[in-house]
């Protein structure tokens, strides 16, 4: 359904980087671009949407060429309005002077009132149809952005970390709604996410990027679980605090939604500062599992 081969020279925070990716998505797949900030994930979405041009490459969707650099034939670069895409931006990008209904209807033609009504119902926004964006909560704004992205009945739905600013409970709820809408509307969806739990819940395919290159691709289990060393537990954490107690250091860490403290040696905290992301690993792992 979607085949792409893209190259673009990027100016990243760490210097020049060549984004060079090839991938294929089947129709109705839910796939995720995963990797550190600056790896090129959002740039891929923007090139698919026609918002920025690749330096070289090709994009073909359902047999229709959206972009071709002309290396093997005619140059093609369809403008965004001619590409069958819906795009949900990280900051929602709603029109502040339009109501909820006006934001959704903006992406449709004038004779699509019934479709707008259905979208508002599907996303739980019917009772908020006359509200302006500044009066909505974060979750409500996200629903408006998603409904507007679906208004064009796109072939391809592009999601740039759409749930990253939401709290845990609301994020889980909107993940369920997003998956339902993906299935009901028969979409092919490409998500950018840093949340491994979110990837496992939503995605059938993961494309992991590092420094502009695809380093792993496959199911979430194939990409994430087979990287683990047998008998070890590896966790990602954020440093919240560092304190010294006699000859040891105690690190306060945020792991998922939980705060834990661990003991560290002096050589392990050299150069470490609050806000850093780290990985911690157990040397032996024999878990006890309890139902909550």
Foldseek 3Di string as FASTA:
>chain_A
DKWKWFWAWDQFPVGIFIQTETDDDDFLFAEEEEEDPPLCRVVVVCCLLLNDPTPAMWIADPNRTQAHCQPPHDGHHHHNVPAQEFEQDQVLPFDQVQFLLRRQCVLDDPPCPVVSCVLCVLLVNNVRRGHGPVVDDLLVSLSSSVSSSCSSLGQEYEYEQNCVVDDDVSSVVVLVSVQVCSVVSRHHYYYYDHDLVSLLSRGQKYFYGDRNYGPDIGGSCVVPVVVDDPFKDKFKWFWADWDDDVQWIKTWTCTPNDTDIDIDGPVVCVVPDGGDMDMDMDPGDDDDDDDD
